[in-house]
């Protein structure tokens, strides 16, 4: 019974972490800023996914450096949180299975 209590507590913690990671991801700006070279000229586009489709939104020939940095940083943070979210989802799945198997035998 002690192990079951520990597993339940760990599951609650993992669910809280999952919610936190999802909230942090939602705060980040959508899409990523990319630079395309077309006929020798460079243009900036915002790359987005909407309703399962990829969209490019034209941003102009020049974009302020602070905006470029913001999207670069968001891309790094997004990758970090997606990785953490992936791990915590696997952990949740494992803990739920462990708790269910305990009910059948116990």
PDB file of N, CA and C in Angstrom:
ATOM      1  N   UNK A   1       0.815  -1.207   0.000  1.00  0.00           N
ATOM      2  CA  UNK A   1       0.000   0.000   0.000  1.00  0.00           C
ATOM      3  C   UNK A   1       0.857   1.269   0.000  1.00  0.00           C
ATOM      4  N   UNK A   2       2.014   1.216   0.621  1.00  0.00           N
ATOM      5  CA  UNK A   2       2.900   2.379   0.665  1.00  0.00           C
ATOM      6  C   UNK A   2       3.365   2.726  -0.743  1.00  0.00           C
ATOM      7  N   UNK A   3       3.700   1.695  -1.519  1.00  0.00           N
ATOM      8  CA  UNK A   3       4.178   1.920  -2.885  1.00  0.00           C
ATOM      9  C   UNK A   3       3.080   2.548  -3.722  1.00  0.00           C
ATOM     10  N   UNK A   4       1.843   2.090  -3.541  1.00  0.00           N
ATOM     11  CA  UNK A   4       0.716   2.639  -4.282  1.00  0.00           C
ATOM     12  C   UNK A   4       0.533   4.129  -3.973  1.00  0.00           C
ATOM     13  N   UNK A   5       0.694   4.491  -2.712  1.00  0.00           N
ATOM     14  CA  UNK A   5       0.597   5.900  -2.318  1.00  0.00           C
ATOM     15  C   UNK A   5       1.689   6.743  -2.958  1.00  0.00           C
ATOM     16  N   UNK A   6       2.894   6.195  -3.021  1.00  0.00           N
ATOM     17  CA  UNK A   6       4.017   6.895  -3.649  1.00  0.00           C
ATOM     18  C   UNK A   6       3.744   7.071  -5.145  1.00  0.00           C
ATOM     19  N   UNK A   7       3.240   6.018  -5.780  1.00  0.00           N
ATOM     20  CA  UNK A   7       2.932   6.102  -7.211  1.00  0.00           C
ATOM     21  C   UNK A   7       1.846   7.136  -7.490  1.00  0.00           C
ATOM     22  N   UNK A   8       0.820   7.173  -6.635  1.00  0.00           N
ATOM     23  CA  UNK A   8      -0.257   8.161  -6.806  1.00  0.00           C
ATOM     24  C   UNK A   8       0.273   9.583  -6.665  1.00  0.00           C
ATOM     25  N   UNK A   9       1.121   9.795  -5.679  1.00  0.00           N
ATOM     26  CA  UNK A   9       1.709  11.120  -5.471  1.00  0.00           C
ATOM     27  C   UNK A   9       2.579  11.513  -6.668  1.00  0.00           C
ATOM     28  N   UNK A  10       3.353  10.571  -7.155  1.00  0.00           N
ATOM     29  CA  UNK A  10       4.209  10.829  -8.326  1.00  0.00           C
ATOM     30  C   UNK A  10       3.350  11.140  -9.549  1.00  0.00           C
ATOM     31  N   UNK A  11       2.226  10.457  -9.698  1.00  0.00           N
ATOM     32  CA  UNK A  11       1.308  10.724 -10.806  1.00  0.00           C
ATOM     33  C   UNK A  11       0.735  12.136 -10.698  1.00  0.00           C
ATOM     34  N   UNK A  12       0.341  12.534  -9.503  1.00  0.00           N
ATOM     35  CA  UNK A  12      -0.183  13.906  -9.301  1.00  0.00           C
ATOM     36  C   UNK A  12       0.878  14.949  -9.663  1.00  0.00           C
ATOM     37  N   UNK A  13       2.114  14.702  -9.228  1.00  0.00           N
ATOM     38  CA  UNK A  13       3.212  15.622  -9.555  1.00  0.00           C
ATOM     39  C   UNK A  13       3.438  15.691 -11.061  1.00  0.00           C
ATOM     40  N   UNK A  14       3.409  14.543 -11.717  1.00  0.00           N
ATOM     41  CA  UNK A  14       3.624  14.502 -13.161  1.00  0.00           C
ATOM     42  C   UNK A  14       2.505  15.224 -13.908  1.00  0.00           C
ATOM     43  N   UNK A  15       1.282  15.065 -13.440  1.00  0.00           N
ATOM     44  CA  UNK A  15       0.154  15.765 -14.071  1.00  0.00           C
ATOM     45  C   UNK A  15       0.282  17.285 -13.899  1.00  0.00           C
ATOM     46  N   UNK A  16       0.745  17.710 -12.724  1.00  0.00           N
ATOM     47  CA  UNK A  16       0.971  19.148 -12.500  1.00  0.00           C
ATOM     48  C   UNK A  16       2.065  19.673 -13.421  1.00  0.00           C
ATOM     49  N   UNK A  17       3.133  18.902 -13.565  1.00  0.00           N
ATOM     50  CA  UNK A  17       4.231  19.305 -14.447  1.00  0.00           C
ATOM     51  C   UNK A  17       3.750  19.386 -15.895  1.00  0.00           C
ATOM     52  N   UNK A  18       2.939  18.422 -16.318  1.00  0.00           N
ATOM     53  CA  UNK A  18       2.409  18.422 -17.686  1.00  0.00           C
ATOM     54  C   UNK A  18       1.598  19.695 -17.929  1.00  0.00           C
ATOM     55  N   UNK A  19       0.744  20.042 -16.985  1.00  0.00           N
ATOM     56  CA  UNK A  19      -0.077  21.262 -17.110  1.00  0.00           C
ATOM     57  C   UNK A  19       0.814  22.496 -17.199  1.00  0.00           C
ATOM     58  N   UNK A  20       1.838  22.547 -16.355  1.00  0.00           N
ATOM     59  CA  UNK A  20       2.752  23.694 -16.352  1.00  0.00           C
ATOM     60  C   UNK A  20       3.477  23.822 -17.690  1.00  0.00           C
ATOM     61  N   UNK A  21       3.960  22.702 -18.224  1.00  0.00           N
ATOM     62  CA  UNK A  21       4.662  22.729 -19.506  1.00  0.00           C
ATOM     63  C   UNK A  21       3.735  23.187 -20.626  1.00  0.00           C
ATOM     64  N   UNK A  22       2.492  22.699 -20.608  1.00  0.00           N
ATOM     65  CA  UNK A  22       1.528  23.111 -21.634  1.00  0.00           C
ATOM     66  C   UNK A  22       1.207  24.600 -21.517  1.00  0.00           C
ATOM     67  N   UNK A  23       1.094  25.098 -20.294  1.00  0.00           N
ATOM     68  CA  UNK A  23       0.841  26.529 -20.085  1.00  0.00           C
ATOM     69  C   UNK A  23       2.009  27.367 -20.594  1.00  0.00           C
ATOM     70  N   UNK A  24       3.224  26.926 -20.319  1.00  0.00           N
ATOM     71  CA  UNK A  24       4.407  27.655 -20.777  1.00  0.00           C
ATOM     72  C   UNK A  24       4.484  27.661 -22.307  1.00  0.00           C
ATOM     73  N   UNK A  25       4.159  26.551 -22.925  1.00  0.00           N
ATOM     74  CA  UNK A  25       4.157  26.484 -24.391  1.00  0.00           C
ATOM     75  C   UNK A  25       3.110  27.440 -24.975  1.00  0.00           C
ATOM     76  N   UNK A  26       1.961  27.531 -24.318  1.00  0.00           N
ATOM     77  CA  UNK A  26       0.884  28.401 -24.808  1.00  0.00           C
ATOM     78  C   UNK A  26       1.269  29.883 -24.735  1.00  0.00           C
ATOM     79  N   UNK A  27       2.157  30.236 -23.829  1.00  0.00           N
ATOM     80  CA  UNK A  27       2.583  31.632 -23.672  1.00  0.00           C
ATOM     81  C   UNK A  27       3.515  32.097 -24.789  1.00  0.00           C
ATOM     82  N   UNK A  28       4.191  31.141 -25.433  1.00  0.00           N
ATOM     83  CA  UNK A  28       5.179  31.494 -26.451  1.00  0.00           C
ATOM     84  C   UNK A  28       4.497  31.990 -27.722  1.00  0.00           C
ATOM     85  N   UNK A  29       5.179  32.870 -28.482  1.00  0.00           N
ATOM     86  CA  UNK A  29       4.598  33.327 -29.740  1.00  0.00           C
ATOM     87  C   UNK A  29       4.466  32.156 -30.711  1.00  0.00           C
ATOM     88  N   UNK A  30       3.393  32.164 -31.482  1.00  0.00           N
ATOM     89  CA  UNK A  30       3.143  31.082 -32.428  1.00  0.00           C
ATOM     90  C   UNK A  30       4.074  31.200 -33.624  1.00  0.00           C
ATOM     91  N   UNK A  31       4.485  30.048 -34.141  1.00  0.00           N
ATOM     92  CA  UNK A  31       5.282  30.005 -35.358  1.00  0.00           C
ATOM     93  C   UNK A  31       6.745  30.316 -35.138  1.00  0.00           C
ATOM     94  N   UNK A  32       7.472  30.358 -36.271  1.00  0.00           N
ATOM     95  CA  UNK A  32       8.878  30.729 -36.218  1.00  0.00           C
ATOM     96  C   UNK A  32       9.196  31.622 -37.407  1.00  0.00           C
ATOM     97  N   UNK A  33      10.119  32.523 -37.177  1.00  0.00           N
ATOM     98  CA  UNK A  33      10.507  33.495 -38.186  1.00  0.00           C
ATOM     99  C   UNK A  33      11.583  32.877 -39.060  1.00  0.00           C
ATOM    100  N   UNK A  34      11.365  32.917 -40.375  1.00  0.00           N
ATOM    101  CA  UNK A  34      12.367  32.384 -41.288  1.00  0.00           C
ATOM    102  C   UNK A  34      12.715  33.432 -42.342  1.00  0.00           C
ATOM    103  N   UNK A  35      13.902  33.260 -42.910  1.00  0.00           N
ATOM    104  CA  UNK A  35      14.361  34.170 -43.948  1.00  0.00           C
ATOM    105  C   UNK A  35      14.444  33.377 -45.246  1.00  0.00           C
ATOM    106  N   UNK A  36      13.780  33.892 -46.275  1.00  0.00           N
ATOM    107  CA  UNK A  36      13.821  33.241 -47.587  1.00  0.00           C
ATOM    108  C   UNK A  36      14.578  34.141 -48.552  1.00  0.00           C
ATOM    109  N   UNK A  37      15.346  33.502 -49.421  1.00  0.00           N
ATOM    110  CA  UNK A  37      16.050  34.245 -50.456  1.00  0.00           C
ATOM    111  C   UNK A  37      15.316  33.990 -51.770  1.00  0.00           C
ATOM    112  N   UNK A  38      14.746  35.046 -52.333  1.00  0.00           N
ATOM    113  CA  UNK A  38      13.980  34.945 -53.564  1.00  0.00           C
ATOM    114  C   UNK A  38      14.564  35.919 -54.585  1.00  0.00           C
ATOM    115  N   UNK A  39      15.032  35.368 -55.680  1.00  0.00           N
ATOM    116  CA  UNK A  39      15.634  36.151 -56.767  1.00  0.00           C
ATOM    117  C   UNK A  39      16.707  37.107 -56.241  1.00  0.00           C
ATOM    118  N   UNK A  40      17.546  36.594 -55.354  1.00  0.00           N
ATOM    119  CA  UNK A  40      18.660  37.377 -54.839  1.00  0.00           C
ATOM    120  C   UNK A  40      18.313  38.333 -53.706  1.00  0.00           C
ATOM    121  N   UNK A  41      17.037  38.425 -53.336  1.00  0.00           N
ATOM    122  CA  UNK A  41      16.611  39.307 -52.244  1.00  0.00           C
ATOM    123  C   UNK A  41      16.140  38.471 -51.059  1.00  0.00           C
ATOM    124  N   UNK A  42      16.374  38.968 -49.851  1.00  0.00           N
ATOM    125  CA  UNK A  42      15.961  38.252 -48.642  1.00  0.00           C
ATOM    126  C   UNK A  42      14.678  38.855 -48.085  1.00  0.00           C
ATOM    127  N   UNK A  43      13.770  37.961 -47.716  1.00  0.00           N
ATOM    128  CA  UNK A  43      12.485  38.361 -47.153  1.00  0.00           C
ATOM    129  C   UNK A  43      12.221  37.529 -45.900  1.00  0.00           C
ATOM    130  N   UNK A  44      11.527  38.119 -44.949  1.00  0.00           N
ATOM    131  CA  UNK A  44      11.184  37.423 -43.708  1.00  0.00           C
ATOM    132  C   UNK A  44       9.728  36.983 -43.738  1.00  0.00           C
ATOM    133  N   UNK A  45       9.533  35.756 -43.264  1.00  0.00           N
ATOM    134  CA  UNK A  45       8.190  35.187 -43.186  1.00  0.00           C
ATOM    135  C   UNK A  45       8.003  34.553 -41.815  1.00  0.00           C
ATOM    136  N   UNK A  46       6.762  34.559 -41.374  1.00  0.00           N
ATOM    137  CA  UNK A  46       6.398  33.854 -40.154  1.00  0.00           C
ATOM    138  C   UNK A  46       5.790  32.526 -40.587  1.00  0.00           C
ATOM    139  N   UNK A  47       6.400  31.439 -40.168  1.00  0.00           N
ATOM    140  CA  UNK A  47       5.955  30.090 -40.521  1.00  0.00           C
ATOM    141  C   UNK A  47       5.001  29.605 -39.432  1.00  0.00           C
ATOM    142  N   UNK A  48       3.753  29.308 -39.832  1.00  0.00           N
ATOM    143  CA  UNK A  48       2.716  28.893 -38.879  1.00  0.00           C
ATOM    144  C   UNK A  48       2.037  27.607 -39.335  1.00  0.00           C
ATOM    145  N   UNK A  49       1.470  26.896 -38.386  1.00  0.00           N
ATOM    146  CA  UNK A  49       0.590  25.766 -38.699  1.00  0.00           C
ATOM    147  C   UNK A  49      -0.808  26.166 -38.249  1.00  0.00           C
ATOM    148  N   UNK A  50      -1.731  26.129 -39.196  1.00  0.00           N
ATOM    149  CA  UNK A  50      -3.122  26.440 -38.871  1.00  0.00           C
ATOM    150  C   UNK A  50      -4.012  25.383 -39.493  1.00  0.00           C
ATOM    151  N   UNK A  51      -4.822  24.752 -38.663  1.00  0.00           N
ATOM    152  CA  UNK A  51      -5.760  23.722 -39.106  1.00  0.00           C
ATOM    153  C   UNK A  51      -5.054  22.637 -39.921  1.00  0.00           C
ATOM    154  N   UNK A  52      -3.862  22.245 -39.473  1.00  0.00           N
ATOM    155  CA  UNK A  52      -3.115  21.183 -40.126  1.00  0.00           C
ATOM    156  C   UNK A  52      -2.364  21.603 -41.382  1.00  0.00           C
ATOM    157  N   UNK A  53      -2.416  22.882 -41.716  1.00  0.00           N
ATOM    158  CA  UNK A  53      -1.726  23.368 -42.911  1.00  0.00           C
ATOM    159  C   UNK A  53      -0.601  24.319 -42.510  1.00  0.00           C
ATOM    160  N   UNK A  54       0.447  24.330 -43.339  1.00  0.00           N
ATOM    161  CA  UNK A  54       1.568  25.234 -43.106  1.00  0.00           C
ATOM    162  C   UNK A  54       1.303  26.526 -43.859  1.00  0.00           C
ATOM    163  N   UNK A  55       1.460  27.653 -43.162  1.00  0.00           N
ATOM    164  CA  UNK A  55       1.253  28.969 -43.781  1.00  0.00           C
ATOM    165  C   UNK A  55       2.498  29.813 -43.613  1.00  0.00           C
ATOM    166  N   UNK A  56       2.781  30.619 -44.613  1.00  0.00           N
ATOM    167  CA  UNK A  56       3.859  31.597 -44.552  1.00  0.00           C
ATOM    168  C   UNK A  56       3.218  32.975 -44.576  1.00  0.00           C
ATOM    169  N   UNK A  57       3.479  33.759 -43.549  1.00  0.00           N
ATOM    170  CA  UNK A  57       2.940  35.118 -43.474  1.00  0.00           C
ATOM    171  C   UNK A  57       4.094  36.085 -43.705  1.00  0.00           C
ATOM    172  N   UNK A  58       3.983  36.883 -44.744  1.00  0.00           N
ATOM    173  CA  UNK A  58       5.041  37.824 -45.108  1.00  0.00           C
ATOM    174  C   UNK A  58       5.211  38.880 -44.015  1.00  0.00           C
ATOM    175  N   UNK A  59       6.463  39.106 -43.606  1.00  0.00           N
ATOM    176  CA  UNK A  59       6.754  40.095 -42.563  1.00  0.00           C
ATOM    177  C   UNK A  59       7.553  41.279 -43.091  1.00  0.00           C
ATOM    178  N   UNK A  60       8.136  41.155 -44.271  1.00  0.00           N
ATOM    179  CA  UNK A  60       8.858  42.277 -44.858  1.00  0.00           C
ATOM    180  C   UNK A  60      10.297  41.946 -45.189  1.00  0.00           C
ATOM    181  N   UNK A  61      10.960  42.946 -45.806  1.00  0.00           N
ATOM    182  CA  UNK A  61      12.375  42.765 -46.156  1.00  0.00           C
ATOM    183  C   UNK A  61      13.259  42.857 -44.924  1.00  0.00           C
ATOM    184  N   UNK A  62      12.847  43.677 -43.989  1.00  0.00           N
ATOM    185  CA  UNK A  62      13.614  43.840 -42.758  1.00  0.00           C
ATOM    186  C   UNK A  62      12.698  43.673 -41.555  1.00  0.00           C
ATOM    187  N   UNK A  63      13.240  43.018 -40.564  1.00  0.00           N
ATOM    188  CA  UNK A  63      12.516  42.813 -39.303  1.00  0.00           C
ATOM    189  C   UNK A  63      13.438  43.289 -38.196  1.00  0.00           C
ATOM    190  N   UNK A  64      12.903  44.042 -37.227  1.00  0.00           N
ATOM    191  CA  UNK A  64      13.753  44.516 -36.124  1.00  0.00           C
ATOM    192  C   UNK A  64      14.480  43.372 -35.422  1.00  0.00           C
ATOM    193  N   UNK A  65      15.706  43.630 -35.019  1.00  0.00           N
ATOM    194  CA  UNK A  65      16.555  42.622 -34.387  1.00  0.00           C
ATOM    195  C   UNK A  65      15.908  42.024 -33.134  1.00  0.00           C
ATOM    196  N   UNK A  66      15.212  42.857 -32.371  1.00  0.00           N
ATOM    197  CA  UNK A  66      14.571  42.339 -31.151  1.00  0.00           C
ATOM    198  C   UNK A  66      13.484  41.304 -31.470  1.00  0.00           C
ATOM    199  N   UNK A  67      12.800  41.463 -32.595  1.00  0.00           N
ATOM    200  CA  UNK A  67      11.780  40.486 -33.007  1.00  0.00           C
ATOM    201  C   UNK A  67      12.456  39.175 -33.420  1.00  0.00           C
ATOM    202  N   UNK A  68      13.555  39.295 -34.163  1.00  0.00           N
ATOM    203  CA  UNK A  68      14.300  38.110 -34.584  1.00  0.00           C
ATOM    204  C   UNK A  68      14.789  37.339 -33.357  1.00  0.00           C
ATOM    205  N   UNK A  69      15.341  38.055 -32.385  1.00  0.00           N
ATOM    206  CA  UNK A  69      15.824  37.415 -31.152  1.00  0.00           C
ATOM    207  C   UNK A  69      14.683  36.761 -30.386  1.00  0.00           C
ATOM    208  N   UNK A  70      13.531  37.436 -30.349  1.00  0.00           N
ATOM    209  CA  UNK A  70      12.366  36.914 -29.632  1.00  0.00           C
ATOM    210  C   UNK A  70      11.942  35.561 -30.211  1.00  0.00           C
ATOM    211  N   UNK A  71      11.889  35.466 -31.535  1.00  0.00           N
ATOM    212  CA  UNK A  71      11.481  34.207 -32.160  1.00  0.00           C
ATOM    213  C   UNK A  71      12.550  33.126 -32.032  1.00  0.00           C
ATOM    214  N   UNK A  72      13.822  33.510 -32.088  1.00  0.00           N
ATOM    215  CA  UNK A  72      14.896  32.523 -31.886  1.00  0.00           C
ATOM    216  C   UNK A  72      14.834  31.931 -30.484  1.00  0.00           C
ATOM    217  N   UNK A  73      14.670  32.808 -29.507  1.00  0.00           N
ATOM    218  CA  UNK A  73      14.585  32.359 -28.112  1.00  0.00           C
ATOM    219  C   UNK A  73      13.342  31.494 -27.899  1.00  0.00           C
ATOM    220  N   UNK A  74      12.229  31.905 -28.497  1.00  0.00           N
ATOM    221  CA  UNK A  74      10.986  31.132 -28.363  1.00  0.00           C
ATOM    222  C   UNK A  74      11.161  29.740 -28.960  1.00  0.00           C
ATOM    223  N   UNK A  75      11.896  29.648 -30.058  1.00  0.00           N
ATOM    224  CA  UNK A  75      12.136  28.356 -30.703  1.00  0.00           C
ATOM    225  C   UNK A  75      12.920  27.424 -29.775  1.00  0.00           C
ATOM    226  N   UNK A  76      13.934  27.967 -29.105  1.00  0.00           N
ATOM    227  CA  UNK A  76      14.729  27.167 -28.158  1.00  0.00           C
ATOM    228  C   UNK A  76      13.882  26.724 -26.969  1.00  0.00           C
ATOM    229  N   UNK A  77      13.123  27.665 -26.435  1.00  0.00           N
ATOM    230  CA  UNK A  77      12.284  27.362 -25.269  1.00  0.00           C
ATOM    231  C   UNK A  77      11.209  26.340 -25.644  1.00  0.00           C
ATOM    232  N   UNK A  78      10.619  26.507 -26.825  1.00  0.00           N
ATOM    233  CA  UNK A  78       9.586  25.574 -27.300  1.00  0.00           C
ATOM    234  C   UNK A  78      10.162  24.157 -27.388  1.00  0.00           C
ATOM    235  N   UNK A  79      11.355  24.026 -27.948  1.00  0.00           N
ATOM    236  CA  UNK A  79      11.987  22.707 -28.066  1.00  0.00           C
ATOM    237  C   UNK A  79      12.221  22.097 -26.680  1.00  0.00           C
ATOM    238  N   UNK A  80      12.676  22.923 -25.746  1.00  0.00           N
ATOM    239  CA  UNK A  80      12.929  22.448 -24.383  1.00  0.00           C
ATOM    240  C   UNK A  80      11.645  21.925 -23.734  1.00  0.00           C
ATOM    241  N   UNK A  81      10.562  22.725 -23.816  1.00  0.00           N
ATOM    242  CA  UNK A  81       9.311  22.325 -23.179  1.00  0.00           C
ATOM    243  C   UNK A  81       8.655  21.139 -23.886  1.00  0.00           C
ATOM    244  N   UNK A  82       8.789  21.051 -25.208  1.00  0.00           N
ATOM    245  CA  UNK A  82       8.234  19.891 -25.915  1.00  0.00           C
ATOM    246  C   UNK A  82       8.956  18.617 -25.489  1.00  0.00           C
ATOM    247  N   UNK A  83      10.259  18.712 -25.304  1.00  0.00           N
ATOM    248  CA  UNK A  83      11.039  17.559 -24.845  1.00  0.00           C
ATOM    249  C   UNK A  83      10.600  17.156 -23.434  1.00  0.00           C
ATOM    250  N   UNK A  84      10.493  18.127 -22.548  1.00  0.00           N
ATOM    251  CA  UNK A  84      10.048  17.850 -21.176  1.00  0.00           C
ATOM    252  C   UNK A  84       8.636  17.267 -21.166  1.00  0.00           C
ATOM    253  N   UNK A  85       7.767  17.820 -22.001  1.00  0.00           N
ATOM    254  CA  UNK A  85       6.383  17.355 -22.080  1.00  0.00           C
ATOM    255  C   UNK A  85       6.331  15.910 -22.571  1.00  0.00           C
ATOM    256  N   UNK A  86       7.146  15.587 -23.538  1.00  0.00           N
ATOM    257  CA  UNK A  86       7.208  14.225 -24.053  1.00  0.00           C
ATOM    258  C   UNK A  86       7.611  13.248 -22.945  1.00  0.00           C
ATOM    259  N   UNK A  87       8.631  13.617 -22.183  1.00  0.00           N
ATOM    260  CA  UNK A  87       9.093  12.751 -21.090  1.00  0.00           C
ATOM    261  C   UNK A  87       8.040  12.590 -20.003  1.00  0.00           C
ATOM    262  N   UNK A  88       7.391  13.684 -19.643  1.00  0.00           N
ATOM    263  CA  UNK A  88       6.403  13.605 -18.559  1.00  0.00           C
ATOM    264  C   UNK A  88       5.172  12.819 -19.014  1.00  0.00           C
ATOM    265  N   UNK A  89       4.809  12.894 -20.287  1.00  0.00           N
ATOM    266  CA  UNK A  89       3.673  12.101 -20.788  1.00  0.00           C
ATOM    267  C   UNK A  89       3.987  10.615 -20.710  1.00  0.00           C
ATOM    268  N   UNK A  90       5.216  10.242 -21.051  1.00  0.00           N
ATOM    269  CA  UNK A  90       5.625   8.839 -20.942  1.00  0.00           C
ATOM    270  C   UNK A  90       5.591   8.379 -19.490  1.00  0.00           C
ATOM    271  N   UNK A  91       6.031   9.264 -18.594  1.00  0.00           N
ATOM    272  CA  UNK A  91       6.029   8.943 -17.176  1.00  0.00           C
ATOM    273  C   UNK A  91       4.597   8.747 -16.669  1.00  0.00           C
ATOM    274  N   UNK A  92       3.685   9.618 -17.110  1.00  0.00           N
ATOM    275  CA  UNK A  92       2.278   9.521 -16.704  1.00  0.00           C
ATOM    276  C   UNK A  92       1.697   8.190 -17.176  1.00  0.00           C
ATOM    277  N   UNK A  93       1.977   7.844 -18.414  1.00  0.00           N
ATOM    278  CA  UNK A  93       1.477   6.586 -18.970  1.00  0.00           C
ATOM    279  C   UNK A  93       1.987   5.401 -18.149  1.00  0.00           C
ATOM    280  N   UNK A  94       3.286   5.435 -17.831  1.00  0.00           N
ATOM    281  CA  UNK A  94       3.890   4.365 -17.037  1.00  0.00           C
ATOM    282  C   UNK A  94       3.232   4.269 -15.658  1.00  0.00           C
ATOM    283  N   UNK A  95       3.066   5.406 -14.993  1.00  0.00           N
ATOM    284  CA  UNK A  95       2.487   5.411 -13.646  1.00  0.00           C
ATOM    285  C   UNK A  95       1.033   4.942 -13.662  1.00  0.00           C
ATOM    286  N   UNK A  96       0.267   5.368 -14.671  1.00  0.00           N
ATOM    287  CA  UNK A  96      -1.127   4.930 -14.756  1.00  0.00           C
ATOM    288  C   UNK A  96      -1.216   3.420 -14.956  1.00  0.00           C
ATOM    289  N   UNK A  97      -0.322   2.884 -15.813  1.00  0.00           N
ATOM    290  CA  UNK A  97      -0.305   1.428 -16.018  1.00  0.00           C
ATOM    291  C   UNK A  97       0.092   0.701 -14.736  1.00  0.00           C
ATOM    292  N   UNK A  98       1.072   1.246 -14.033  1.00  0.00           N
ATOM    293  CA  UNK A  98       1.532   0.609 -12.793  1.00  0.00           C
ATOM    294  C   UNK A  98       0.416   0.590 -11.750  1.00  0.00           C
ATOM    295  N   UNK A  99      -0.342   1.680 -11.672  1.00  0.00           N
ATOM    296  CA  UNK A  99      -1.435   1.737 -10.713  1.00  0.00           C
ATOM    297  C   UNK A  99      -2.582   0.800 -11.102  1.00  0.00           C
ATOM    298  N   UNK A 100      -2.866   0.684 -12.390  1.00  0.00           N
ATOM    299  CA  UNK A 100      -3.935  -0.213 -12.838  1.00  0.00           C
ATOM    300  C   UNK A 100      -3.570  -1.665 -12.606  1.00  0.00           C
ATOM    301  N   UNK A 101      -2.312  -2.019 -12.884  1.00  0.00           N
ATOM    302  CA  UNK A 101      -1.888  -3.412 -12.698  1.00  0.00           C
ATOM    303  C   UNK A 101      -1.920  -3.778 -11.220  1.00  0.00           C
ATOM    304  N   UNK A 102      -1.684  -2.819 -10.340  1.00  0.00           N
ATOM    305  CA  UNK A 102      -1.735  -3.063  -8.902  1.00  0.00           C
ATOM    306  C   UNK A 102      -3.150  -3.374  -8.435  1.00  0.00           C
ATOM    307  N   UNK A 103      -4.147  -2.782  -9.102  1.00  0.00           N
ATOM    308  CA  UNK A 103      -5.541  -3.030  -8.722  1.00  0.00           C
ATOM    309  C   UNK A 103      -5.961  -4.452  -9.050  1.00  0.00           C
ATOM    310  N   UNK A 104      -5.470  -4.984 -10.186  1.00  0.00           N
ATOM    311  CA  UNK A 104      -5.863  -6.331 -10.607  1.00  0.00           C
ATOM    312  C   UNK A 104      -5.320  -7.403  -9.671  1.00  0.00           C
ATOM    313  N   UNK A 105      -4.052  -7.207  -9.246  1.00  0.00           N
ATOM    314  CA  UNK A 105      -3.420  -8.227  -8.395  1.00  0.00           C
ATOM    315  C   UNK A 105      -3.715  -7.990  -6.917  1.00  0.00           C
ATOM    316  N   UNK A 106      -3.978  -6.743  -6.560  1.00  0.00           N
ATOM    317  CA  UNK A 106      -4.149  -6.427  -5.139  1.00  0.00           C
ATOM    318  C   UNK A 106      -5.536  -6.484  -4.756  1.00  0.00           C
TER     319      UNK A 106
END
